[in-house]
Amino acid sequence: MDESVEVLCEKQGEAGLITLNRPKALNALTLSMVREMRRALDSWAQDPAVTRVVVQGAGEKAFCAGGDIRQLTEDLKAGRREEALAFWREEYQLNIRIKRYPKPYISLIDGIVMGGGVGVSLHGTCRVAGDRYLFAMPEVGIGFFPDVGATYALPRLPGQTGMYLALTGERVKRADAMMLGLATHAVPSGNIEGLREALIGGDSVEAALAQVAADPGQAPLEDQRDLIDSCFSADSVTDILARLDAAARRGSDFAAKTAAGMRTKSPTSMCLAFEQVRRGASLDFEEAMRTEFRIVSRIGEGHDFHEGVRAVLIDKDNQPDWQPTSLDAVERADIERHFASLGERELEVA
């Protein structure tokens, strides 16, 4: 497969087939990929020969590990703010198009799905999880926030599991993804190619999936659901940590590990994520995406996003110097500022 073509959009049989084709970059999204996907989806929506859309990632490691964050932060540092915002604007509009797509939209996920990869899969009709499936929204660890529709999706997961995922960035394997509803079907990796061919061949989507679906097994997170719900229902990030600490003192290794992990994340990002999940429960999808565009339009002006990308993705020292350094020092007014209307610059639902 020619890796100079970042995304392949082609009609095969009854399917519109999208292949994210940057395997060396874990199929991270670029603006040109977003635009090509949007062009193809708009075309196929009007094409009676296309009865379903199938999305896959090239290579064996990832479906899509996110947006090209390094490029976006370079744009922001170089003063190319509008170029960075163009990516997020059109990415979010693509997420809305997928959410409202009039035909079955099936993502074949056999590897890493994070960040922007979640945005081009989670809002579709079916999320097929192979053996290597690995989900995360790890943005609070790089001074960012869970976007691409997480504002809408995470509050709608069972109990407080969405808040847990937003504030911890924890990775979720297939069995837990099925339990949470992040994945809709578990399929052995060896059967995914046959499934794709059946979908291309025009088999009923439901029948093709039913023929290869497998039992994902016991979900490890199920045993922690009561603890997650009791701790992550608190009224602030500080209170959540206090509840986790109390549970740790009672002997919960899970609570101790979770609290320790959270204390390495950006305090500002955790406060933003907490607020967006709380607000997102009452928003429709379009308003959730407008909310995210408000946040992303401002987060690049701060310190933590640039510092998190430096520490985790560039220098890889994993020693970010967050500012402010503690939850207590995060000002409520600063969090609120991220959610304020952009006026004429609001995200257009196109």
Protein backbone atom coordinates (compact mmCIF):
# COMPACT_ATOMS: atom_id res chain seq x y z
CA MET A 1 0.00 0.00 0.00
CA ASP A 2 1.40 3.40 -1.03
CA GLU A 3 2.12 5.28 2.21
CA SER A 4 2.40 8.58 0.34
CA VAL A 5 -1.39 8.54 0.23
CA GLU A 6 -2.42 9.34 3.82
CA VAL A 7 -5.97 8.02 3.52
CA LEU A 8 -7.51 5.80 0.85
CA CYS A 9 -11.21 6.30 0.14
CA GLU A 10 -12.56 3.88 -2.44
CA LYS A 11 -15.74 2.11 -3.42
CA GLN A 12 -15.51 -1.67 -3.19
CA GLY A 13 -18.65 -3.68 -3.80
CA GLU A 14 -21.41 -2.14 -1.72
CA ALA A 15 -19.00 -0.45 0.68
CA GLY A 16 -17.31 2.87 0.85
CA LEU A 17 -13.95 1.72 2.24
CA ILE A 18 -11.75 4.17 4.16
CA THR A 19 -8.22 3.11 5.05
CA LEU A 20 -6.23 5.38 7.36
CA ASN A 21 -2.78 4.93 5.82
CA ARG A 22 -0.02 6.33 8.03
CA PRO A 23 1.04 3.14 9.84
CA LYS A 24 4.45 4.52 10.87
CA ALA A 25 2.63 7.41 12.59
CA LEU A 26 0.03 5.01 14.03
CA ASN A 27 -2.41 6.43 11.46
CA ALA A 28 -2.55 9.81 13.20
CA LEU A 29 -4.95 12.21 11.50
CA THR A 30 -3.88 15.23 9.47
CA LEU A 31 -6.05 18.00 8.05
CA SER A 32 -5.77 16.56 4.54
CA MET A 33 -7.01 13.19 5.84
CA VAL A 34 -9.96 14.84 7.57
CA ARG A 35 -10.86 16.68 4.38
CA GLU A 36 -10.59 13.59 2.19
CA MET A 37 -12.75 11.56 4.57
CA ARG A 38 -15.37 14.30 4.61
CA ARG A 39 -15.37 14.53 0.82
CA ALA A 40 -15.83 10.77 0.49
CA LEU A 41 -18.58 10.57 3.11
CA ASP A 42 -20.53 13.41 1.51
CA SER A 43 -20.25 11.72 -1.88
CA TRP A 44 -21.22 8.26 -0.62
CA ALA A 45 -24.21 9.58 1.30
CA GLN A 46 -25.78 10.45 -2.08
CA ASP A 47 -24.62 7.29 -3.88
CA PRO A 48 -27.21 4.48 -3.92
CA ALA A 49 -24.50 1.96 -4.84
CA VAL A 50 -22.86 2.52 -1.45
CA THR A 51 -24.96 0.90 1.28
CA ARG A 52 -22.43 1.06 4.13
CA VAL A 53 -19.10 2.64 5.08
CA VAL A 54 -16.21 0.57 6.48
CA VAL A 55 -13.23 2.27 8.17
CA GLN A 56 -9.93 0.56 8.97
CA GLY A 57 -6.34 1.42 9.85
CA ALA A 58 -3.26 0.26 7.93
CA GLY A 59 -0.66 -1.84 9.73
CA GLU A 60 -1.02 -4.05 12.78
CA LYS A 61 -0.46 -1.58 15.62
CA ALA A 62 -3.19 1.01 15.41
CA PHE A 63 -6.56 1.91 14.03
CA CYS A 64 -5.73 5.56 14.74
CA ALA A 65 -3.74 6.92 17.68
CA GLY A 66 -5.15 10.45 17.43
CA GLY A 67 -4.50 13.74 15.71
CA ASP A 68 -1.04 14.87 14.70
CA ILE A 69 -0.51 16.67 18.02
CA ARG A 70 3.14 17.49 17.44
CA GLN A 71 2.31 19.33 14.24
CA LEU A 72 -0.55 21.19 15.91
CA THR A 73 1.62 22.43 18.77
CA GLU A 74 4.33 23.46 16.29
CA ASP A 75 1.71 25.50 14.43
CA LEU A 76 0.61 27.17 17.65
CA LYS A 77 4.18 27.96 18.74
CA ALA A 78 4.99 29.41 15.31
CA GLY A 79 1.97 31.71 15.44
CA ARG A 80 0.00 29.65 12.93
CA ARG A 81 -3.01 29.54 15.24
CA GLU A 82 -5.57 29.61 12.44
CA GLU A 83 -3.97 26.59 10.78
CA ALA A 84 -4.22 24.61 14.00
CA LEU A 85 -7.80 25.71 14.57
CA ALA A 86 -8.69 24.74 10.99
CA PHE A 87 -7.74 21.15 11.82
CA TRP A 88 -9.87 21.03 14.95
CA ARG A 89 -12.78 22.85 13.31
CA GLU A 90 -12.94 20.45 10.38
CA GLU A 91 -12.21 17.40 12.53
CA TYR A 92 -15.14 18.25 14.81
CA GLN A 93 -17.38 18.86 11.80
CA LEU A 94 -16.34 15.41 10.51
CA ASN A 95 -17.28 13.91 13.89
CA ILE A 96 -20.75 15.45 13.55
CA ARG A 97 -21.08 14.10 10.01
CA ILE A 98 -20.23 10.60 11.26
CA LYS A 99 -22.68 10.87 14.17
CA ARG A 100 -25.50 11.85 11.81
CA TYR A 101 -24.47 9.63 8.88
CA PRO A 102 -27.51 8.16 7.06
CA LYS A 103 -25.92 4.77 6.31
CA PRO A 104 -24.29 2.10 8.51
CA TYR A 105 -20.77 3.18 9.49
CA ILE A 106 -18.59 0.32 10.71
CA SER A 107 -15.12 0.75 12.22
CA LEU A 108 -12.77 -2.24 12.28
CA ILE A 109 -10.50 -1.59 15.26
CA ASP A 110 -7.70 -4.06 15.86
CA GLY A 111 -5.11 -2.02 17.72
CA ILE A 112 -4.77 1.38 19.34
CA VAL A 113 -7.71 3.78 19.17
CA MET A 114 -7.09 7.06 20.96
CA GLY A 115 -7.95 10.74 20.62
CA GLY A 116 -8.89 11.57 17.05
CA GLY A 117 -9.22 7.87 16.29
CA VAL A 118 -12.03 7.73 18.81
CA GLY A 119 -13.70 10.62 16.99
CA VAL A 120 -13.80 8.80 13.66
CA SER A 121 -15.07 5.53 15.15
CA LEU A 122 -17.06 5.92 18.37
CA HIS A 123 -19.91 7.94 16.87
CA GLY A 124 -20.60 5.50 14.06
CA THR A 125 -23.01 2.57 13.97
CA CYS A 126 -20.68 -0.30 14.89
CA ARG A 127 -17.27 -0.48 16.57
CA VAL A 128 -15.73 -3.89 15.92
CA ALA A 129 -12.98 -4.73 18.42
CA GLY A 130 -10.25 -7.18 17.44
CA ASP A 131 -7.96 -8.99 19.88
CA ARG A 132 -5.49 -6.07 19.92
CA TYR A 133 -8.10 -3.40 20.64
CA LEU A 134 -6.83 -0.72 23.03
CA PHE A 135 -8.85 2.44 23.80
CA ALA A 136 -7.81 5.55 25.70
CA MET A 137 -8.55 9.25 25.92
CA PRO A 138 -5.21 10.18 27.57
CA GLU A 139 -5.37 13.93 26.93
CA VAL A 140 -5.14 15.12 30.56
CA GLY A 141 -1.63 13.64 30.56
CA ILE A 142 -0.48 16.09 27.87
CA GLY A 143 -2.23 19.19 29.19
CA PHE A 144 -5.13 18.85 26.74
CA PHE A 145 -8.72 17.61 27.23
CA PRO A 146 -10.83 14.69 25.92
CA ASP A 147 -12.31 16.08 22.71
CA VAL A 148 -13.70 14.66 19.40
CA GLY A 149 -17.13 14.19 20.97
CA ALA A 150 -16.03 12.89 24.37
CA THR A 151 -18.05 15.72 25.95
CA TYR A 152 -21.16 13.93 24.68
CA ALA A 153 -20.05 10.30 24.80
CA LEU A 154 -18.31 9.97 28.17
CA PRO A 155 -21.23 11.15 30.37
CA ARG A 156 -23.39 8.54 28.63
CA LEU A 157 -21.23 5.58 29.61
CA PRO A 158 -22.47 3.46 32.53
CA GLY A 159 -22.39 5.12 35.95
CA GLN A 160 -19.32 7.29 36.48
CA THR A 161 -17.05 5.32 34.15
CA GLY A 162 -16.93 8.22 31.68
CA MET A 163 -15.67 10.60 34.36
CA TYR A 164 -13.14 7.94 35.39
CA LEU A 165 -11.80 7.63 31.83
CA ALA A 166 -11.69 11.41 31.34
CA LEU A 167 -9.71 12.13 34.50
CA THR A 168 -7.34 9.17 34.43
CA GLY A 169 -6.70 8.57 30.72
CA GLU A 170 -6.61 4.87 31.58
CA ARG A 171 -6.36 2.33 28.77
CA VAL A 172 -9.25 -0.01 28.13
CA LYS A 173 -8.97 -3.40 26.47
CA ARG A 174 -11.66 -5.21 24.57
CA ALA A 175 -13.67 -6.88 27.32
CA ASP A 176 -14.00 -3.62 29.25
CA ALA A 177 -14.81 -1.74 26.04
CA MET A 178 -17.68 -4.12 25.36
CA MET A 179 -18.96 -3.78 28.92
CA LEU A 180 -18.85 0.01 28.68
CA GLY A 181 -20.37 0.22 25.19
CA LEU A 182 -17.24 1.70 23.61
CA ALA A 183 -17.15 -1.34 21.32
CA THR A 184 -20.27 -2.99 19.92
CA HIS A 185 -18.82 -6.31 18.71
CA ALA A 186 -15.85 -8.46 19.71
CA VAL A 187 -14.36 -10.28 16.73
CA PRO A 188 -11.18 -12.41 16.69
CA SER A 189 -8.43 -10.66 14.76
CA GLY A 190 -8.22 -13.56 12.35
CA ASN A 191 -11.86 -13.06 11.33
CA ILE A 192 -11.73 -9.33 10.62
CA GLU A 193 -10.55 -9.68 7.03
CA GLY A 194 -13.40 -12.07 6.28
CA LEU A 195 -15.84 -9.69 7.93
CA ARG A 196 -14.58 -6.82 5.79
CA GLU A 197 -15.05 -8.91 2.64
CA ALA A 198 -18.58 -9.88 3.71
CA LEU A 199 -19.44 -6.22 4.26
CA ILE A 200 -17.96 -5.30 0.88
CA GLY A 201 -19.91 -8.15 -0.70
CA GLY A 202 -23.20 -6.71 0.48
CA ASP A 203 -24.11 -9.14 3.26
CA SER A 204 -26.50 -7.74 5.84
CA VAL A 205 -24.41 -5.77 8.35
CA GLU A 206 -26.13 -7.44 11.28
CA ALA A 207 -25.77 -10.93 9.83
CA ALA A 208 -22.12 -10.45 8.87
CA LEU A 209 -21.27 -9.28 12.39
CA ALA A 210 -23.32 -11.99 14.08
CA GLN A 211 -21.48 -14.68 12.15
CA VAL A 212 -18.05 -13.72 13.51
CA ALA A 213 -18.82 -12.08 16.87
CA ALA A 214 -17.20 -13.73 19.89
CA ASP A 215 -17.53 -13.60 23.67
CA PRO A 216 -15.03 -10.98 24.86
CA GLY A 217 -14.68 -12.63 28.26
CA GLN A 218 -14.85 -11.15 31.73
CA ALA A 219 -14.42 -7.37 31.98
CA PRO A 220 -11.77 -6.61 34.66
CA LEU A 221 -13.24 -3.17 35.32
CA GLU A 222 -16.57 -4.69 36.31
CA ASP A 223 -15.15 -5.54 39.74
CA GLN A 224 -14.33 -1.85 40.32
CA ARG A 225 -17.63 -0.36 39.14
CA ASP A 226 -19.03 0.35 42.61
CA LEU A 227 -15.78 2.02 43.69
CA ILE A 228 -15.61 4.09 40.50
CA ASP A 229 -19.21 5.20 40.86
CA SER A 230 -18.80 6.17 44.51
CA CYS A 231 -15.53 8.04 44.04
CA PHE A 232 -16.06 9.72 40.67
CA SER A 233 -19.50 11.06 41.58
CA ALA A 234 -17.89 13.62 43.92
CA ASP A 235 -18.37 17.33 43.30
CA SER A 236 -14.81 18.23 42.29
CA VAL A 237 -11.54 16.64 41.24
CA THR A 238 -10.18 17.37 44.71
CA ASP A 239 -13.10 15.53 46.31
CA ILE A 240 -12.69 12.60 43.91
CA LEU A 241 -9.06 12.25 44.99
CA ALA A 242 -10.09 12.46 48.65
CA ARG A 243 -12.55 9.60 48.15
CA LEU A 244 -9.94 7.55 46.30
CA ASP A 245 -7.43 8.16 49.10
CA ALA A 246 -10.00 7.03 51.67
CA ALA A 247 -10.67 3.86 49.67
CA ALA A 248 -6.93 3.25 49.41
CA ARG A 249 -6.62 3.49 53.20
CA ARG A 250 -9.31 0.82 53.43
CA GLY A 251 -7.11 -1.45 51.33
CA SER A 252 -8.06 -0.78 47.70
CA ASP A 253 -4.98 -1.10 45.51
CA PHE A 254 -7.09 0.05 42.54
CA ALA A 255 -7.97 3.30 44.32
CA ALA A 256 -4.34 3.91 45.33
CA LYS A 257 -3.08 3.32 41.80
CA THR A 258 -5.82 5.51 40.30
CA ALA A 259 -5.14 8.42 42.67
CA ALA A 260 -1.39 8.19 42.09
CA GLY A 261 -1.90 8.27 38.34
CA MET A 262 -4.21 11.28 38.52
CA ARG A 263 -1.64 13.22 40.52
CA THR A 264 0.73 13.07 37.54
CA LYS A 265 -1.81 14.74 35.21
CA SER A 266 -2.29 18.43 34.45
CA PRO A 267 -4.41 19.96 37.23
CA THR A 268 -5.92 22.43 34.76
CA SER A 269 -6.73 19.70 32.26
CA MET A 270 -8.41 17.56 34.92
CA CYS A 271 -10.56 20.49 35.99
CA LEU A 272 -11.52 21.15 32.36
CA ALA A 273 -12.33 17.47 31.81
CA PHE A 274 -14.40 17.32 34.99
CA GLU A 275 -16.41 20.35 33.91
CA GLN A 276 -16.95 19.14 30.35
CA VAL A 277 -18.21 15.72 31.46
CA ARG A 278 -20.56 17.35 33.95
CA ARG A 279 -21.91 19.77 31.34
CA GLY A 280 -21.94 17.22 28.54
CA ALA A 281 -24.63 15.09 30.16
CA SER A 282 -27.27 17.68 29.22
CA LEU A 283 -25.95 18.70 25.78
CA ASP A 284 -26.91 17.36 22.38
CA PHE A 285 -24.07 16.26 20.11
CA GLU A 286 -23.77 19.47 18.14
CA GLU A 287 -23.68 21.63 21.26
CA ALA A 288 -21.09 19.31 22.79
CA MET A 289 -18.89 19.83 19.72
CA ARG A 290 -19.36 23.60 19.91
CA THR A 291 -18.28 23.40 23.55
CA GLU A 292 -15.13 21.52 22.59
CA PHE A 293 -14.27 24.05 19.91
CA ARG A 294 -14.58 26.80 22.54
CA ILE A 295 -12.13 24.96 24.77
CA VAL A 296 -9.66 24.10 22.02
CA SER A 297 -9.69 27.70 20.78
CA ARG A 298 -8.26 28.75 24.15
CA ILE A 299 -6.22 25.87 25.49
CA GLY A 300 -3.30 26.58 23.15
CA GLU A 301 -2.92 30.01 24.75
CA GLY A 302 -2.03 28.40 28.06
CA HIS A 303 1.11 26.65 29.32
CA ASP A 304 0.19 23.04 29.99
CA PHE A 305 -0.63 21.82 26.48
CA HIS A 306 2.76 22.85 25.12
CA GLU A 307 4.55 21.53 28.21
CA GLY A 308 2.69 18.21 28.14
CA VAL A 309 3.50 17.60 24.48
CA ARG A 310 7.14 18.47 25.17
CA ALA A 311 7.42 16.10 28.13
CA VAL A 312 5.48 13.16 26.69
CA LEU A 313 5.91 13.32 22.92
CA ILE A 314 9.02 15.36 22.13
CA ASP A 315 11.66 15.12 24.88
CA LYS A 316 9.90 12.05 26.35
CA ASP A 317 11.26 12.75 29.82
CA ASN A 318 7.73 12.34 31.23
CA GLN A 319 8.45 15.11 33.73
CA PRO A 320 6.00 17.88 32.83
CA ASP A 321 6.17 21.11 34.82
CA TRP A 322 2.47 21.89 35.14
CA GLN A 323 1.38 25.46 35.86
CA PRO A 324 -0.38 25.76 38.19
CA THR A 325 1.12 22.77 39.96
CA SER A 326 -1.87 21.90 42.18
CA LEU A 327 -5.63 21.57 41.89
CA ASP A 328 -6.09 24.15 44.65
CA ALA A 329 -4.28 26.74 42.55
CA VAL A 330 -6.52 26.28 39.48
CA GLU A 331 -8.79 29.31 39.30
CA ARG A 332 -12.47 28.72 38.68
CA ALA A 333 -12.60 31.79 36.44
CA ASP A 334 -9.92 30.32 34.19
CA ILE A 335 -11.90 27.12 33.73
CA GLU A 336 -15.10 29.05 33.01
CA ARG A 337 -13.27 31.17 30.43
CA HIS A 338 -12.67 28.09 28.29
CA PHE A 339 -16.42 27.45 28.02
CA ALA A 340 -17.50 30.99 27.07
CA SER A 341 -19.07 31.67 23.68
CA LEU A 342 -16.79 32.51 20.76
CA GLY A 343 -19.41 34.75 19.19
CA GLU A 344 -18.89 34.91 15.43
CA ARG A 345 -16.13 32.29 15.68
CA GLU A 346 -18.36 29.51 17.02
CA LEU A 347 -18.11 26.11 15.38
CA GLU A 348 -20.46 25.91 12.42
CA VAL A 349 -22.41 22.70 12.03
CA ALA A 350 -21.73 22.02 8.36
